[in-house]
Amino acid sequence: TFQTADKWYTALAEMHIATLVFQHNDMVEFEDDCKTKSVARQLFLRLAKQGRLSNFGFAPDNWST
């Protein structure tokens, strides 16, 4: 389990980057495809570490704690 949504998103982003780096069976088809996927994953990781994913589009949660 993860203590916060931010920690979950960060772990998820790191797993997706690892998959891109280590998976060898048709994960990417072309150099541009690889660049696009890599940039997208790096941006997602940056947003996760900044805590900018866990509250995007959600109303403040003041009642569950």
PDB file of N, CA and C in Angstrom:
ATOM      1  N   THR A   1       0.837  -1.191   0.000  1.00  0.00           N
ATOM      2  CA  THR A   1       0.000   0.000   0.000  1.00  0.00           C
ATOM      3  C   THR A   1       0.875   1.245   0.000  1.00  0.00           C
ATOM      4  N   PHE A   2       0.270   2.331  -0.373  1.00  0.00           N
ATOM      5  CA  PHE A   2       0.977   3.606  -0.448  1.00  0.00           C
ATOM      6  C   PHE A   2       0.300   4.594   0.483  1.00  0.00           C
ATOM      7  N   GLN A   3       1.095   5.423   1.123  1.00  0.00           N
ATOM      8  CA  GLN A   3       0.556   6.370   2.093  1.00  0.00           C
ATOM      9  C   GLN A   3      -0.226   7.492   1.433  1.00  0.00           C
ATOM     10  N   THR A   4       0.151   7.876   0.236  1.00  0.00           N
ATOM     11  CA  THR A   4      -0.542   8.959  -0.457  1.00  0.00           C
ATOM     12  C   THR A   4      -0.707   8.607  -1.931  1.00  0.00           C
ATOM     13  N   ALA A   5      -1.617   9.301  -2.572  1.00  0.00           N
ATOM     14  CA  ALA A   5      -1.796   9.124  -4.012  1.00  0.00           C
ATOM     15  C   ALA A   5      -0.544   9.561  -4.761  1.00  0.00           C
ATOM     16  N   ASP A   6       0.115  10.601  -4.266  1.00  0.00           N
ATOM     17  CA  ASP A   6       1.342  11.069  -4.911  1.00  0.00           C
ATOM     18  C   ASP A   6       2.406   9.978  -4.944  1.00  0.00           C
ATOM     19  N   LYS A   7       2.532   9.234  -3.859  1.00  0.00           N
ATOM     20  CA  LYS A   7       3.521   8.149  -3.814  1.00  0.00           C
ATOM     21  C   LYS A   7       3.140   7.029  -4.782  1.00  0.00           C
ATOM     22  N   TRP A   8       1.844   6.766  -4.908  1.00  0.00           N
ATOM     23  CA  TRP A   8       1.383   5.753  -5.857  1.00  0.00           C
ATOM     24  C   TRP A   8       1.697   6.186  -7.289  1.00  0.00           C
ATOM     25  N   TYR A   9       1.378   7.422  -7.638  1.00  0.00           N
ATOM     26  CA  TYR A   9       1.649   7.906  -8.988  1.00  0.00           C
ATOM     27  C   TYR A   9       3.147   7.899  -9.298  1.00  0.00           C
ATOM     28  N   THR A  10       3.970   8.228  -8.322  1.00  0.00           N
ATOM     29  CA  THR A  10       5.418   8.198  -8.523  1.00  0.00           C
ATOM     30  C   THR A  10       5.892   6.770  -8.777  1.00  0.00           C
ATOM     31  N   ALA A  11       5.419   5.828  -7.982  1.00  0.00           N
ATOM     32  CA  ALA A  11       5.795   4.422  -8.181  1.00  0.00           C
ATOM     33  C   ALA A  11       5.303   3.915  -9.532  1.00  0.00           C
ATOM     34  N   LEU A  12       4.098   4.293  -9.904  1.00  0.00           N
ATOM     35  CA  LEU A  12       3.544   3.887 -11.192  1.00  0.00           C
ATOM     36  C   LEU A  12       4.396   4.419 -12.342  1.00  0.00           C
ATOM     37  N   ALA A  13       4.778   5.683 -12.252  1.00  0.00           N
ATOM     38  CA  ALA A  13       5.614   6.286 -13.293  1.00  0.00           C
ATOM     39  C   ALA A  13       6.956   5.576 -13.390  1.00  0.00           C
ATOM     40  N   GLU A  14       7.552   5.259 -12.252  1.00  0.00           N
ATOM     41  CA  GLU A  14       8.841   4.561 -12.259  1.00  0.00           C
ATOM     42  C   GLU A  14       8.717   3.164 -12.860  1.00  0.00           C
ATOM     43  N   MET A  15       7.599   2.488 -12.602  1.00  0.00           N
ATOM     44  CA  MET A  15       7.381   1.160 -13.186  1.00  0.00           C
ATOM     45  C   MET A  15       7.242   1.245 -14.703  1.00  0.00           C
ATOM     46  N   HIS A  16       6.545   2.265 -15.179  1.00  0.00           N
ATOM     47  CA  HIS A  16       6.369   2.422 -16.621  1.00  0.00           C
ATOM     48  C   HIS A  16       7.689   2.758 -17.314  1.00  0.00           C
ATOM     49  N   ILE A  17       8.525   3.539 -16.662  1.00  0.00           N
ATOM     50  CA  ILE A  17       9.846   3.838 -17.225  1.00  0.00           C
ATOM     51  C   ILE A  17      10.687   2.568 -17.273  1.00  0.00           C
ATOM     52  N   ALA A  18      10.658   1.783 -16.211  1.00  0.00           N
ATOM     53  CA  ALA A  18      11.417   0.528 -16.182  1.00  0.00           C
ATOM     54  C   ALA A  18      10.938  -0.418 -17.276  1.00  0.00           C
ATOM     55  N   THR A  19       9.642  -0.468 -17.501  1.00  0.00           N
ATOM     56  CA  THR A  19       9.108  -1.321 -18.561  1.00  0.00           C
ATOM     57  C   THR A  19       9.642  -0.890 -19.915  1.00  0.00           C
ATOM     58  N   LEU A  20       9.654   0.404 -20.153  1.00  0.00           N
ATOM     59  CA  LEU A  20      10.160   0.909 -21.431  1.00  0.00           C
ATOM     60  C   LEU A  20      11.645   0.586 -21.604  1.00  0.00           C
ATOM     61  N   VAL A  21      12.408   0.693 -20.532  1.00  0.00           N
ATOM     62  CA  VAL A  21      13.852   0.464 -20.609  1.00  0.00           C
ATOM     63  C   VAL A  21      14.190  -1.017 -20.783  1.00  0.00           C
ATOM     64  N   PHE A  22      13.494  -1.893 -20.055  1.00  0.00           N
ATOM     65  CA  PHE A  22      13.910  -3.289 -19.996  1.00  0.00           C
ATOM     66  C   PHE A  22      13.112  -4.253 -20.864  1.00  0.00           C
ATOM     67  N   GLN A  23      11.932  -3.886 -21.318  1.00  0.00           N
ATOM     68  CA  GLN A  23      11.135  -4.810 -22.129  1.00  0.00           C
ATOM     69  C   GLN A  23      11.643  -4.785 -23.565  1.00  0.00           C
ATOM     70  N   HIS A  24      11.861  -5.944 -24.126  1.00  0.00           N
ATOM     71  CA  HIS A  24      12.483  -6.022 -25.444  1.00  0.00           C
ATOM     72  C   HIS A  24      11.546  -6.498 -26.545  1.00  0.00           C
ATOM     73  N   ASN A  25      10.351  -6.894 -26.230  1.00  0.00           N
ATOM     74  CA  ASN A  25       9.501  -7.499 -27.247  1.00  0.00           C
ATOM     75  C   ASN A  25       8.467  -6.507 -27.796  1.00  0.00           C
ATOM     76  N   ASP A  26       8.860  -5.796 -28.820  1.00  0.00           N
ATOM     77  CA  ASP A  26       7.965  -4.918 -29.571  1.00  0.00           C
ATOM     78  C   ASP A  26       7.314  -3.817 -28.746  1.00  0.00           C
ATOM     79  N   MET A  27       8.001  -3.336 -27.740  1.00  0.00           N
ATOM     80  CA  MET A  27       7.476  -2.219 -26.947  1.00  0.00           C
ATOM     81  C   MET A  27       7.464  -0.949 -27.784  1.00  0.00           C
ATOM     82  N   VAL A  28       8.485  -0.777 -28.587  1.00  0.00           N
ATOM     83  CA  VAL A  28       8.553   0.380 -29.486  1.00  0.00           C
ATOM     84  C   VAL A  28       8.850  -0.109 -30.897  1.00  0.00           C
ATOM     85  N   GLU A  29       8.321   0.622 -31.857  1.00  0.00           N
ATOM     86  CA  GLU A  29       8.512   0.222 -33.247  1.00  0.00           C
ATOM     87  C   GLU A  29       9.566   1.067 -33.954  1.00  0.00           C
ATOM     88  N   PHE A  30       9.593   2.354 -33.639  1.00  0.00           N
ATOM     89  CA  PHE A  30      10.493   3.271 -34.321  1.00  0.00           C
ATOM     90  C   PHE A  30      11.181   4.166 -33.304  1.00  0.00           C
ATOM     91  N   GLU A  31      12.235   4.846 -33.731  1.00  0.00           N
ATOM     92  CA  GLU A  31      12.967   5.743 -32.843  1.00  0.00           C
ATOM     93  C   GLU A  31      12.063   6.853 -32.311  1.00  0.00           C
ATOM     94  N   ASP A  32      11.239   7.427 -33.176  1.00  0.00           N
ATOM     95  CA  ASP A  32      10.327   8.491 -32.735  1.00  0.00           C
ATOM     96  C   ASP A  32       9.317   7.974 -31.717  1.00  0.00           C
ATOM     97  N   ASP A  33       8.862   6.744 -31.911  1.00  0.00           N
ATOM     98  CA  ASP A  33       7.932   6.121 -30.967  1.00  0.00           C
ATOM     99  C   ASP A  33       8.583   5.994 -29.594  1.00  0.00           C
ATOM    100  N   CYS A  34       9.831   5.590 -29.576  1.00  0.00           N
ATOM    101  CA  CYS A  34      10.569   5.451 -28.318  1.00  0.00           C
ATOM    102  C   CYS A  34      10.739   6.804 -27.636  1.00  0.00           C
ATOM    103  N   LYS A  35      11.091   7.824 -28.409  1.00  0.00           N
ATOM    104  CA  LYS A  35      11.262   9.166 -27.844  1.00  0.00           C
ATOM    105  C   LYS A  35       9.958   9.676 -27.253  1.00  0.00           C
ATOM    106  N   THR A  36       8.867   9.495 -27.987  1.00  0.00           N
ATOM    107  CA  THR A  36       7.562   9.954 -27.513  1.00  0.00           C
ATOM    108  C   THR A  36       7.184   9.275 -26.206  1.00  0.00           C
ATOM    109  N   LYS A  37       7.349   7.967 -26.154  1.00  0.00           N
ATOM    110  CA  LYS A  37       7.007   7.227 -24.939  1.00  0.00           C
ATOM    111  C   LYS A  37       7.914   7.613 -23.778  1.00  0.00           C
ATOM    112  N   SER A  38       9.176   7.816 -24.053  1.00  0.00           N
ATOM    113  CA  SER A  38      10.111   8.194 -22.999  1.00  0.00           C
ATOM    114  C   SER A  38       9.783   9.571 -22.438  1.00  0.00           C
ATOM    115  N   VAL A  39       9.538  10.533 -23.303  1.00  0.00           N
ATOM    116  CA  VAL A  39       9.208  11.888 -22.854  1.00  0.00           C
ATOM    117  C   VAL A  39       7.911  11.883 -22.055  1.00  0.00           C
ATOM    118  N   ALA A  40       6.912  11.166 -22.528  1.00  0.00           N
ATOM    119  CA  ALA A  40       5.635  11.102 -21.811  1.00  0.00           C
ATOM    120  C   ALA A  40       5.819  10.530 -20.411  1.00  0.00           C
ATOM    121  N   ARG A  41       6.598   9.484 -20.293  1.00  0.00           N
ATOM    122  CA  ARG A  41       6.828   8.873 -18.984  1.00  0.00           C
ATOM    123  C   ARG A  41       7.629   9.791 -18.062  1.00  0.00           C
ATOM    124  N   GLN A  42       8.606  10.484 -18.607  1.00  0.00           N
ATOM    125  CA  GLN A  42       9.396  11.412 -17.792  1.00  0.00           C
ATOM    126  C   GLN A  42       8.543  12.586 -17.309  1.00  0.00           C
ATOM    127  N   LEU A  43       7.668  13.097 -18.165  1.00  0.00           N
ATOM    128  CA  LEU A  43       6.778  14.185 -17.756  1.00  0.00           C
ATOM    129  C   LEU A  43       5.799  13.720 -16.681  1.00  0.00           C
ATOM    130  N   PHE A  44       5.268  12.512 -16.847  1.00  0.00           N
ATOM    131  CA  PHE A  44       4.357  11.958 -15.849  1.00  0.00           C
ATOM    132  C   PHE A  44       5.068  11.816 -14.508  1.00  0.00           C
ATOM    133  N   LEU A  45       6.301  11.323 -14.537  1.00  0.00           N
ATOM    134  CA  LEU A  45       7.083  11.172 -13.309  1.00  0.00           C
ATOM    135  C   LEU A  45       7.320  12.526 -12.654  1.00  0.00           C
ATOM    136  N   ARG A  46       7.665  13.525 -13.438  1.00  0.00           N
ATOM    137  CA  ARG A  46       7.902  14.862 -12.887  1.00  0.00           C
ATOM    138  C   ARG A  46       6.636  15.407 -12.218  1.00  0.00           C
ATOM    139  N   LEU A  47       5.495  15.276 -12.884  1.00  0.00           N
ATOM    140  CA  LEU A  47       4.236  15.744 -12.298  1.00  0.00           C
ATOM    141  C   LEU A  47       3.902  14.984 -11.020  1.00  0.00           C
ATOM    142  N   ALA A  48       4.171  13.685 -11.015  1.00  0.00           N
ATOM    143  CA  ALA A  48       3.900  12.877  -9.825  1.00  0.00           C
ATOM    144  C   ALA A  48       4.763  13.325  -8.653  1.00  0.00           C
ATOM    145  N   LYS A  49       6.039  13.555  -8.904  1.00  0.00           N
ATOM    146  CA  LYS A  49       6.942  13.982  -7.830  1.00  0.00           C
ATOM    147  C   LYS A  49       6.594  15.366  -7.309  1.00  0.00           C
ATOM    148  N   GLN A  50       6.018  16.197  -8.163  1.00  0.00           N
ATOM    149  CA  GLN A  50       5.610  17.539  -7.753  1.00  0.00           C
ATOM    150  C   GLN A  50       4.246  17.538  -7.062  1.00  0.00           C
ATOM    151  N   GLY A  51       3.584  16.385  -7.023  1.00  0.00           N
ATOM    152  CA  GLY A  51       2.272  16.295  -6.391  1.00  0.00           C
ATOM    153  C   GLY A  51       1.168  16.938  -7.199  1.00  0.00           C
ATOM    154  N   ARG A  52       1.342  16.994  -8.504  1.00  0.00           N
ATOM    155  CA  ARG A  52       0.378  17.682  -9.348  1.00  0.00           C
ATOM    156  C   ARG A  52      -0.602  16.742 -10.031  1.00  0.00           C
ATOM    157  N   LEU A  53      -0.581  15.462  -9.699  1.00  0.00           N
ATOM    158  CA  LEU A  53      -1.511  14.515 -10.304  1.00  0.00           C
ATOM    159  C   LEU A  53      -2.639  14.121  -9.367  1.00  0.00           C
ATOM    160  N   SER A  54      -2.376  14.099  -8.092  1.00  0.00           N
ATOM    161  CA  SER A  54      -3.350  13.560  -7.143  1.00  0.00           C
ATOM    162  C   SER A  54      -4.542  14.469  -6.916  1.00  0.00           C
ATOM    163  N   ASN A  55      -4.447  15.730  -7.269  1.00  0.00           N
ATOM    164  CA  ASN A  55      -5.585  16.614  -7.041  1.00  0.00           C
ATOM    165  C   ASN A  55      -6.160  17.172  -8.329  1.00  0.00           C
ATOM    166  N   PHE A  56      -5.651  16.744  -9.467  1.00  0.00           N
ATOM    167  CA  PHE A  56      -6.130  17.246 -10.743  1.00  0.00           C
ATOM    168  C   PHE A  56      -7.543  16.738 -11.019  1.00  0.00           C
ATOM    169  N   GLY A  57      -8.487  17.656 -11.142  1.00  0.00           N
ATOM    170  CA  GLY A  57      -9.850  17.294 -11.498  1.00  0.00           C
ATOM    171  C   GLY A  57     -10.694  16.757 -10.366  1.00  0.00           C
ATOM    172  N   PHE A  58     -10.186  16.766  -9.153  1.00  0.00           N
ATOM    173  CA  PHE A  58     -10.934  16.243  -8.022  1.00  0.00           C
ATOM    174  C   PHE A  58     -11.294  17.371  -7.063  1.00  0.00           C
ATOM    175  N   ALA A  59     -12.460  17.250  -6.466  1.00  0.00           N
ATOM    176  CA  ALA A  59     -12.869  18.212  -5.445  1.00  0.00           C
ATOM    177  C   ALA A  59     -12.084  17.935  -4.167  1.00  0.00           C
ATOM    178  N   PRO A  60     -11.874  18.950  -3.338  1.00  0.00           N
ATOM    179  CA  PRO A  60     -11.177  18.730  -2.069  1.00  0.00           C
ATOM    180  C   PRO A  60     -11.900  17.680  -1.223  1.00  0.00           C
ATOM    181  N   ASP A  61     -11.139  16.790  -0.641  1.00  0.00           N
ATOM    182  CA  ASP A  61     -11.693  15.715   0.185  1.00  0.00           C
ATOM    183  C   ASP A  61     -11.524  16.088   1.650  1.00  0.00           C
ATOM    184  N   ASN A  62     -12.551  16.681   2.225  1.00  0.00           N
ATOM    185  CA  ASN A  62     -12.501  17.096   3.626  1.00  0.00           C
ATOM    186  C   ASN A  62     -13.318  16.186   4.540  1.00  0.00           C
ATOM    187  N   TRP A  63     -14.023  15.241   3.974  1.00  0.00           N
ATOM    188  CA  TRP A  63     -14.945  14.457   4.782  1.00  0.00           C
ATOM    189  C   TRP A  63     -14.435  13.067   5.133  1.00  0.00           C
ATOM    190  N   SER A  64     -13.432  12.545   4.440  1.00  0.00           N
ATOM    191  CA  SER A  64     -13.054  11.148   4.678  1.00  0.00           C
ATOM    192  C   SER A  64     -12.034  10.969   5.792  1.00  0.00           C
ATOM    193  N   THR A  65     -11.457  12.039   6.297  1.00  0.00           N
ATOM    194  CA  THR A  65     -10.456  11.881   7.356  1.00  0.00           C
ATOM    195  C   THR A  65     -11.027  12.170   8.720  1.00  0.00           C
TER     196      THR A  65
END
